[in-house]
């Protein structure tokens, strides 16, 4: 790896811009302050902090319009919660599998159970072969991990695990395992997380919602500027960085970008290879709907029949986190975008699905469309995407974070952000 030259400035005088007010940006900004940096400014283009940690309220109860839960197998998340004095005091939430009519079903047949156990026993030994998983930053990727996860499963003869991963990966809007490289699937849903889903299907939730994490972090950060979209970053003659928003032009010594990086593919300070690299980042189109209705289904339900691509647009998951509600209540519903040639409006598809589940009088309360789970495809990985990203770390005193660098999940965002601070600050 090419050594990275980083211009050092006294911590008390060093001005650092953090672009992006999601979990990664806030963990980094708060971490910099704890390390003695005094001049930290967070820029967030939205009018709220938190990114995909997005809690809404109905009748004084919290509901999640973005991330839903954490897992007991996630030490960085639990450590952050402990440090911020935030307890896992939300409603108990465990997932159950259903068909489209609301009938409970088994994830695999009894006949497949023995083979499944054998595959599950082999999985940690196979994963041990892949040394690149040991670091939070992505480098020295083994060729097999660049292949779509489905092909990776075929290589290692994981026939039933392929189905199980679909039920825990695809169902949460993370993508189709026939397309998404194994690198992302196995970093997001590693062996410990998979076992946490299967052995202890109770998730970490918060009474005041997942946004309590980012709200608590933001209280520690002195300078957060909301509604400030960064439109350019310019290298000055003094080798400082000019951050231009729609309202201001401010000078900094260093910049850390945690917002979606493809939004900055146009920057003139990148070379042409970097601009093309960033244009290759892809996303899932995933939607969350909050419905008020009568006879809402209880708990967290997953509709396995809707996981094939031709069923995109139909409900993957519902989450009715407050089971004690009687009569009218709220349920959150999650679904991919429907195919472009679908003639039925997306909202009508969702309402029809809810009616089949026995829900009465569903009406939309709030909705959010997400560009979800960033990744690059096999060809882009093979062409050295992450080698280029690592090469650019610290060049012109710009550093790269966020979901494409960490891979999705609160745990991975926290882990990578802390590692970025340890490596460069």
Protein backbone atom coordinates (compact mmCIF):
# COMPACT_ATOMS: atom_id res chain seq x y z
CA UNK A 1 0.00 0.00 0.00
CA UNK A 2 1.29 3.49 -0.87
CA UNK A 3 2.26 5.51 2.25
CA UNK A 4 -0.15 8.37 2.88
CA UNK A 5 1.24 11.83 3.59
CA UNK A 6 -0.99 13.83 5.91
CA UNK A 7 -0.17 17.44 6.77
CA UNK A 8 -0.24 17.79 10.54
CA UNK A 9 -1.66 20.86 12.29
CA UNK A 10 -1.86 21.56 16.01
CA UNK A 11 -5.10 20.00 17.30
CA UNK A 12 -6.27 23.21 18.93
CA UNK A 13 -5.86 25.18 15.70
CA UNK A 14 -6.85 22.50 13.19
CA UNK A 15 -10.21 23.20 11.55
CA UNK A 16 -11.99 20.05 10.38
CA UNK A 17 -15.20 19.83 8.35
CA UNK A 18 -17.29 16.67 8.62
CA UNK A 19 -19.71 16.40 5.72
CA UNK A 20 -22.74 14.32 6.63
CA UNK A 21 -24.73 14.31 9.86
CA UNK A 22 -25.63 10.62 9.94
CA UNK A 23 -24.28 8.14 12.46
CA UNK A 24 -20.81 7.95 10.89
CA UNK A 25 -20.36 11.71 10.76
CA UNK A 26 -21.54 12.25 14.32
CA UNK A 27 -19.36 9.45 15.74
CA UNK A 28 -16.36 10.97 13.95
CA UNK A 29 -17.10 14.56 15.02
CA UNK A 30 -17.67 13.61 18.65
CA UNK A 31 -14.57 11.41 18.57
CA UNK A 32 -12.43 14.25 17.22
CA UNK A 33 -13.56 16.53 20.03
CA UNK A 34 -12.69 13.87 22.60
CA UNK A 35 -9.20 13.69 21.06
CA UNK A 36 -8.64 17.39 21.64
CA UNK A 37 -9.71 18.92 18.32
CA UNK A 38 -11.63 22.10 19.09
CA UNK A 39 -12.75 23.37 15.69
CA UNK A 40 -15.09 20.72 14.27
CA UNK A 41 -17.99 21.67 12.00
CA UNK A 42 -20.61 19.17 10.81
CA UNK A 43 -22.49 19.99 7.60
CA UNK A 44 -25.81 18.23 6.99
CA UNK A 45 -27.90 19.03 3.93
CA UNK A 46 -31.17 17.90 5.56
CA UNK A 47 -33.01 19.83 8.26
CA UNK A 48 -32.44 17.00 10.73
CA UNK A 49 -29.46 14.97 11.89
CA UNK A 50 -29.32 11.20 11.92
CA UNK A 51 -29.48 10.02 8.31
CA UNK A 52 -31.07 6.56 8.27
CA UNK A 53 -31.56 6.72 12.04
CA UNK A 54 -34.97 8.33 11.71
CA UNK A 55 -37.57 8.04 14.47
CA UNK A 56 -41.07 9.45 14.06
CA UNK A 57 -43.83 9.74 16.66
CA UNK A 58 -47.52 8.89 16.77
CA UNK A 59 -49.63 9.25 19.90
CA UNK A 60 -46.51 9.73 22.02
CA UNK A 61 -44.94 6.47 20.84
CA UNK A 62 -41.85 6.09 18.69
CA UNK A 63 -41.74 4.35 15.32
CA UNK A 64 -38.80 3.83 12.97
CA UNK A 65 -38.78 5.29 9.47
CA UNK A 66 -35.23 4.03 8.90
CA UNK A 67 -33.05 1.63 10.90
CA UNK A 68 -35.18 -0.60 13.12
CA UNK A 69 -32.93 -2.35 15.64
CA UNK A 70 -29.51 -3.47 16.76
CA UNK A 71 -28.30 -6.98 17.54
CA UNK A 72 -26.86 -8.46 20.75
CA UNK A 73 -23.83 -9.52 18.66
CA UNK A 74 -22.76 -5.92 17.92
CA UNK A 75 -20.12 -4.80 20.46
CA UNK A 76 -19.39 -1.35 18.99
CA UNK A 77 -23.07 -0.41 19.11
CA UNK A 78 -23.42 -1.66 22.67
CA UNK A 79 -20.25 0.20 23.71
CA UNK A 80 -21.57 3.45 22.23
CA UNK A 81 -24.88 2.98 24.02
CA UNK A 82 -23.09 2.41 27.32
CA UNK A 83 -20.90 5.48 26.87
CA UNK A 84 -23.91 7.66 26.02
CA UNK A 85 -25.95 6.12 28.86
CA UNK A 86 -28.63 4.89 26.46
CA UNK A 87 -30.45 1.72 27.44
CA UNK A 88 -32.09 -0.91 25.26
CA UNK A 89 -35.46 -0.07 26.79
CA UNK A 90 -37.68 -0.34 23.72
CA UNK A 91 -40.41 -2.88 23.07
CA UNK A 92 -39.43 -6.51 22.63
CA UNK A 93 -39.22 -7.28 18.96
CA UNK A 94 -38.78 -10.68 17.37
CA UNK A 95 -39.45 -11.62 13.77
CA UNK A 96 -41.80 -14.31 12.52
CA UNK A 97 -42.10 -15.61 8.96
CA UNK A 98 -45.44 -15.49 7.16
CA UNK A 99 -46.99 -16.12 3.77
CA UNK A 100 -48.95 -13.44 1.93
CA UNK A 101 -52.16 -14.44 3.74
CA UNK A 102 -50.66 -13.84 7.17
CA UNK A 103 -50.17 -17.51 8.04
CA UNK A 104 -47.01 -18.48 9.91
CA UNK A 105 -44.55 -20.61 7.96
CA UNK A 106 -41.17 -22.26 8.56
CA UNK A 107 -38.08 -20.72 6.89
CA UNK A 108 -36.89 -24.15 5.71
CA UNK A 109 -38.52 -27.55 5.47
CA UNK A 110 -37.97 -30.31 8.03
CA UNK A 111 -36.29 -32.39 5.32
CA UNK A 112 -33.61 -29.71 4.87
CA UNK A 113 -32.88 -29.24 8.57
CA UNK A 114 -30.00 -31.73 8.84
CA UNK A 115 -28.22 -30.35 5.77
CA UNK A 116 -28.76 -26.83 7.06
CA UNK A 117 -27.12 -27.65 10.41
CA UNK A 118 -24.13 -29.17 8.59
CA UNK A 119 -23.74 -26.06 6.43
CA UNK A 120 -24.05 -23.79 9.44
CA UNK A 121 -21.32 -25.77 11.24
CA UNK A 122 -19.01 -25.34 8.24
CA UNK A 123 -19.63 -21.62 7.80
CA UNK A 124 -17.22 -20.19 10.44
CA UNK A 125 -14.40 -22.43 9.19
CA UNK A 126 -14.94 -21.23 5.63
CA UNK A 127 -15.07 -17.58 6.70
CA UNK A 128 -11.79 -17.98 8.58
CA UNK A 129 -10.12 -18.40 5.17
CA UNK A 130 -10.93 -14.79 4.28
CA UNK A 131 -8.36 -12.65 6.08
CA UNK A 132 -9.73 -9.39 4.65
CA UNK A 133 -12.65 -9.55 7.10
CA UNK A 134 -10.32 -8.99 10.04
CA UNK A 135 -9.97 -5.25 9.38
CA UNK A 136 -12.67 -2.61 9.35
CA UNK A 137 -11.25 -1.01 6.19
CA UNK A 138 -11.66 -2.96 2.97
CA UNK A 139 -8.41 -4.01 1.32
CA UNK A 140 -6.73 -7.11 -0.13
CA UNK A 141 -10.11 -8.57 -1.04
CA UNK A 142 -10.02 -12.25 -1.91
CA UNK A 143 -11.30 -12.85 -5.49
CA UNK A 144 -14.17 -15.11 -4.39
CA UNK A 145 -15.63 -12.29 -2.27
CA UNK A 146 -15.93 -10.11 -5.37
CA UNK A 147 -18.42 -12.54 -6.89
CA UNK A 148 -22.18 -12.27 -6.29
CA UNK A 149 -23.05 -13.92 -2.99
CA UNK A 150 -25.09 -16.60 -4.75
CA UNK A 151 -22.00 -17.73 -6.70
CA UNK A 152 -19.89 -17.62 -3.53
CA UNK A 153 -22.40 -19.98 -1.92
CA UNK A 154 -22.14 -22.32 -4.91
CA UNK A 155 -18.34 -22.40 -4.61
CA UNK A 156 -18.59 -23.49 -0.98
CA UNK A 157 -21.65 -25.71 -1.50
CA UNK A 158 -23.92 -23.68 0.77
CA UNK A 159 -27.22 -24.61 -0.84
CA UNK A 160 -29.57 -23.99 2.09
CA UNK A 161 -27.58 -21.12 3.60
CA UNK A 162 -28.15 -19.29 0.33
CA UNK A 163 -31.88 -19.36 1.08
CA UNK A 164 -31.40 -18.40 4.73
CA UNK A 165 -29.24 -15.41 3.82
CA UNK A 166 -31.91 -14.24 1.41
CA UNK A 167 -34.36 -14.24 4.31
CA UNK A 168 -32.08 -12.15 6.52
CA UNK A 169 -30.35 -9.98 3.91
CA UNK A 170 -32.66 -9.35 0.98
CA UNK A 171 -35.69 -8.96 3.23
CA UNK A 172 -34.24 -5.87 4.94
CA UNK A 173 -33.77 -4.01 1.67
CA UNK A 174 -30.09 -4.89 1.31
CA UNK A 175 -30.34 -6.26 -2.20
CA UNK A 176 -30.52 -9.35 -4.39
CA UNK A 177 -27.88 -11.99 -3.56
CA UNK A 178 -27.66 -12.80 -7.28
CA UNK A 179 -26.17 -9.31 -7.80
CA UNK A 180 -24.60 -8.03 -4.57
CA UNK A 181 -21.02 -9.29 -4.08
CA UNK A 182 -20.31 -11.64 -1.17
CA UNK A 183 -17.99 -8.99 0.30
CA UNK A 184 -20.98 -6.88 1.35
CA UNK A 185 -23.31 -9.68 2.38
CA UNK A 186 -20.75 -11.27 4.70
CA UNK A 187 -19.56 -7.99 6.22
CA UNK A 188 -23.11 -6.89 6.99
CA UNK A 189 -24.43 -10.29 8.03
CA UNK A 190 -21.36 -12.03 9.43
CA UNK A 191 -21.50 -15.33 11.28
CA UNK A 192 -22.06 -13.72 14.69
CA UNK A 193 -24.94 -11.59 13.41
CA UNK A 194 -26.50 -14.53 11.59
CA UNK A 195 -26.39 -16.61 14.76
CA UNK A 196 -27.78 -13.71 16.76
CA UNK A 197 -30.77 -13.64 14.44
CA UNK A 198 -31.29 -17.37 14.71
CA UNK A 199 -30.43 -18.16 18.33
CA UNK A 200 -31.85 -15.09 20.06
CA UNK A 201 -34.45 -13.47 17.84
CA UNK A 202 -34.91 -10.48 20.15
CA UNK A 203 -33.49 -7.23 18.88
CA UNK A 204 -32.10 -4.13 20.59
CA UNK A 205 -34.70 -1.35 20.43
CA UNK A 206 -35.12 1.98 22.17
CA UNK A 207 -38.21 3.48 23.82
CA UNK A 208 -37.35 6.89 22.37
CA UNK A 209 -36.34 5.38 19.05
CA UNK A 210 -33.06 4.80 17.28
CA UNK A 211 -32.73 8.57 16.83
CA UNK A 212 -31.90 8.80 20.53
CA UNK A 213 -28.37 7.68 19.57
CA UNK A 214 -27.75 10.52 17.14
CA UNK A 215 -29.58 13.08 19.27
CA UNK A 216 -27.36 12.24 22.22
CA UNK A 217 -24.22 12.39 20.07
CA UNK A 218 -25.26 15.74 18.61
CA UNK A 219 -25.50 17.24 22.10
CA UNK A 220 -21.75 16.69 22.45
CA UNK A 221 -20.86 18.44 19.18
CA UNK A 222 -20.40 22.20 19.32
CA UNK A 223 -21.00 23.19 15.69
CA UNK A 224 -23.65 21.42 13.58
CA UNK A 225 -25.06 23.24 10.55
CA UNK A 226 -28.33 21.84 9.26
CA UNK A 227 -29.82 22.56 5.85
CA UNK A 228 -26.32 23.24 4.50
CA UNK A 229 -25.67 21.23 1.37
CA UNK A 230 -21.99 21.20 0.42
CA UNK A 231 -21.78 22.06 -3.28
CA UNK A 232 -18.00 22.20 -3.71
CA UNK A 233 -14.67 21.59 -2.00
CA UNK A 234 -11.82 23.69 -3.38
CA UNK A 235 -8.09 23.33 -2.74
CA UNK A 236 -6.72 26.79 -1.96
CA UNK A 237 -3.30 28.22 -2.78
CA UNK A 238 -2.47 27.87 0.94
CA UNK A 239 -3.17 24.10 0.74
CA UNK A 240 -6.26 24.57 2.88
CA UNK A 241 -9.71 23.42 1.81
CA UNK A 242 -12.57 25.78 1.03
CA UNK A 243 -15.94 24.19 1.73
CA UNK A 244 -18.68 25.88 -0.23
CA UNK A 245 -22.33 25.46 0.73
CA UNK A 246 -25.34 27.19 -0.79
CA UNK A 247 -24.93 29.84 1.94
CA UNK A 248 -21.27 29.99 3.02
CA UNK A 249 -17.66 29.59 1.97
CA UNK A 250 -15.50 28.42 4.88
CA UNK A 251 -11.84 27.45 5.21
CA UNK A 252 -10.66 24.19 6.80
CA UNK A 253 -7.44 22.27 7.24
CA UNK A 254 -9.05 18.86 6.76
CA UNK A 255 -12.33 17.47 5.44
CA UNK A 256 -13.96 14.13 6.24
CA UNK A 257 -16.76 13.06 3.89
CA UNK A 258 -19.28 10.62 5.35
CA UNK A 259 -22.20 11.63 3.12
CA UNK A 260 -22.84 9.47 0.02
CA UNK A 261 -19.57 9.78 -1.87
CA UNK A 262 -21.00 9.64 -5.39
CA UNK A 263 -22.52 13.06 -4.67
CA UNK A 264 -18.96 14.40 -4.82
CA UNK A 265 -17.84 12.69 -8.02
CA UNK A 266 -17.73 16.08 -9.75
CA UNK A 267 -15.02 17.60 -7.51
CA UNK A 268 -12.13 19.02 -9.53
CA UNK A 269 -9.60 18.04 -6.88
CA UNK A 270 -10.14 14.33 -7.68
CA UNK A 271 -8.26 12.78 -10.57
CA UNK A 272 -10.26 11.25 -13.42
CA UNK A 273 -9.92 7.70 -12.05
CA UNK A 274 -11.45 8.78 -8.74
CA UNK A 275 -14.36 10.53 -10.44
CA UNK A 276 -15.15 7.42 -12.45
CA UNK A 277 -14.70 5.26 -9.36
CA UNK A 278 -17.35 7.18 -7.43
CA UNK A 279 -19.81 7.03 -10.33
CA UNK A 280 -19.84 3.22 -10.00
CA UNK A 281 -21.52 3.24 -6.58
CA UNK A 282 -24.96 1.62 -6.68
CA UNK A 283 -27.90 1.51 -4.27
CA UNK A 284 -31.08 -0.36 -3.50
CA UNK A 285 -34.33 1.61 -3.79
CA UNK A 286 -36.16 0.79 -0.58
CA UNK A 287 -39.25 2.40 0.88
CA UNK A 288 -40.72 2.68 4.36
CA UNK A 289 -44.40 3.45 4.91
CA UNK A 290 -46.09 4.30 8.20
CA UNK A 291 -49.76 3.25 8.14
CA UNK A 292 -52.47 3.99 10.67
CA UNK A 293 -55.06 1.23 10.63
CA UNK A 294 -57.32 -1.07 12.60
CA UNK A 295 -56.47 -4.71 13.26
CA UNK A 296 -52.79 -4.17 12.59
CA UNK A 297 -50.61 -7.31 12.67
CA UNK A 298 -48.57 -7.81 15.82
CA UNK A 299 -44.80 -7.85 16.15
CA UNK A 300 -42.33 -7.98 13.26
CA UNK A 301 -43.43 -10.15 10.36
CA UNK A 302 -41.51 -11.15 7.24
CA UNK A 303 -43.29 -12.30 4.08
CA UNK A 304 -40.90 -14.78 2.49
CA UNK A 305 -42.91 -15.16 -0.73
CA UNK A 306 -42.18 -11.53 -1.61
CA UNK A 307 -38.38 -11.86 -1.76
CA UNK A 308 -38.06 -12.67 -5.46
CA UNK A 309 -37.35 -9.79 -7.85
CA UNK A 310 -40.69 -10.20 -9.60
CA UNK A 311 -42.40 -9.48 -6.26
CA UNK A 312 -40.60 -6.17 -5.73
CA UNK A 313 -43.06 -3.54 -4.59
CA UNK A 314 -44.86 -5.93 -2.24
CA UNK A 315 -44.38 -5.92 1.53
CA UNK A 316 -41.17 -7.55 2.74
CA UNK A 317 -41.57 -6.70 6.42
CA UNK A 318 -44.02 -5.07 8.74
CA UNK A 319 -43.09 -3.80 12.17
CA UNK A 320 -45.81 -3.09 14.75
CA UNK A 321 -43.56 -2.38 17.69
CA UNK A 322 -46.21 -1.47 20.28
CA UNK A 323 -48.31 -4.61 20.59
CA UNK A 324 -50.40 -3.30 23.46
CA UNK A 325 -52.22 -0.84 21.22
CA UNK A 326 -55.92 -1.64 20.88
CA UNK A 327 -58.14 -0.50 18.06
CA UNK A 328 -56.39 1.94 15.78
CA UNK A 329 -52.59 1.79 15.75
CA UNK A 330 -49.54 2.26 13.56
CA UNK A 331 -47.51 -0.29 11.65
CA UNK A 332 -44.38 0.37 9.61
CA UNK A 333 -44.16 -1.40 6.26
CA UNK A 334 -41.00 -1.98 4.18
CA UNK A 335 -40.77 -2.71 0.44
CA UNK A 336 -38.50 -2.36 -2.58
CA UNK A 337 -39.52 -0.18 -5.50
CA UNK A 338 -41.81 -2.09 -7.89
CA UNK A 339 -40.57 -2.88 -11.42
CA UNK A 340 -40.73 0.10 -13.78
CA UNK A 341 -43.33 -1.56 -16.00
CA UNK A 342 -45.77 -2.07 -13.09
CA UNK A 343 -49.11 -0.45 -13.88
CA UNK A 344 -50.46 -0.50 -10.31
CA UNK A 345 -49.38 2.50 -8.18
CA UNK A 346 -46.87 1.47 -5.47
CA UNK A 347 -49.11 2.59 -2.63
CA UNK A 348 -52.02 0.53 -3.95
CA UNK A 349 -49.80 -2.58 -3.99
CA UNK A 350 -48.94 -2.03 -0.33
CA UNK A 351 -52.55 -1.36 0.70
CA UNK A 352 -53.74 -4.52 -1.06
CA UNK A 353 -51.06 -6.53 0.77
CA UNK A 354 -52.19 -5.08 4.10
CA UNK A 355 -55.81 -5.96 3.40
CA UNK A 356 -54.78 -9.58 2.67
CA UNK A 357 -53.12 -9.63 6.10
CA UNK A 358 -56.42 -8.66 7.72
CA UNK A 359 -55.62 -4.99 8.26
CA UNK A 360 -58.67 -2.73 8.18
CA UNK A 361 -58.89 0.82 6.86
CA UNK A 362 -55.16 1.44 6.24
CA UNK A 363 -54.24 5.06 5.57
CA UNK A 364 -50.79 6.48 5.02
CA UNK A 365 -49.30 8.59 7.84
CA UNK A 366 -45.73 9.13 6.63
CA UNK A 367 -43.35 7.61 4.08
CA UNK A 368 -39.68 7.75 3.17
CA UNK A 369 -37.78 6.50 0.12
CA UNK A 370 -34.17 5.51 0.77
CA UNK A 371 -31.12 5.00 -1.38
CA UNK A 372 -30.12 1.98 0.64
CA UNK A 373 -27.08 -0.25 1.13
CA UNK A 374 -24.42 1.18 -1.23
CA UNK A 375 -22.19 -1.27 -3.09
CA UNK A 376 -20.18 -1.70 -6.26
CA UNK A 377 -20.50 -4.67 -8.58
CA UNK A 378 -18.09 -7.51 -9.29
CA UNK A 379 -16.41 -5.82 -12.24
CA UNK A 380 -15.77 -2.61 -10.29
CA UNK A 381 -14.31 -4.56 -7.37
CA UNK A 382 -12.04 -6.50 -9.71
CA UNK A 383 -10.85 -3.19 -11.19
CA UNK A 384 -9.57 -2.09 -7.77
CA UNK A 385 -12.35 0.15 -6.41
CA UNK A 386 -11.21 -0.07 -2.78
CA UNK A 387 -7.52 0.12 -3.67
CA UNK A 388 -8.26 3.49 -5.25
CA UNK A 389 -10.36 4.61 -2.30
CA UNK A 390 -7.60 3.68 0.13
CA UNK A 391 -5.04 5.45 -2.05
CA UNK A 392 -7.10 8.64 -1.79
CA UNK A 393 -7.34 8.61 2.01
CA UNK A 394 -5.63 11.76 3.26
CA UNK A 395 -4.74 13.08 -0.19
CA UNK A 396 -5.19 16.86 -0.09
CA UNK A 397 -6.23 16.28 3.55
CA UNK A 398 -9.56 14.75 2.53
CA UNK A 399 -10.69 11.55 4.24
CA UNK A 400 -13.43 9.15 3.22
CA UNK A 401 -16.00 7.49 5.46
CA UNK A 402 -19.66 6.53 5.37
CA UNK A 403 -21.50 3.42 4.28
CA UNK A 404 -19.63 2.58 1.07
CA UNK A 405 -16.42 2.46 3.11
CA UNK A 406 -17.78 0.68 6.18
CA UNK A 407 -20.61 -1.32 4.57
CA UNK A 408 -24.11 -0.93 5.96
CA UNK A 409 -25.22 -1.39 9.60
CA UNK A 410 -24.89 0.79 12.66
CA UNK A 411 -22.20 -1.55 13.98
CA UNK A 412 -20.04 -1.27 10.86
CA UNK A 413 -20.46 2.51 10.66
CA UNK A 414 -19.32 2.95 14.28
CA UNK A 415 -16.45 0.49 13.92
CA UNK A 416 -15.12 2.05 10.71
CA UNK A 417 -15.47 5.61 12.03
CA UNK A 418 -13.45 4.77 15.14
CA UNK A 419 -10.83 3.03 13.01
CA UNK A 420 -10.59 6.07 10.71
CA UNK A 421 -9.87 8.25 13.74
CA UNK A 422 -7.27 5.79 15.04
CA UNK A 423 -5.49 5.63 11.69
CA UNK A 424 -5.35 9.31 10.79
CA UNK A 425 -6.16 11.49 13.81
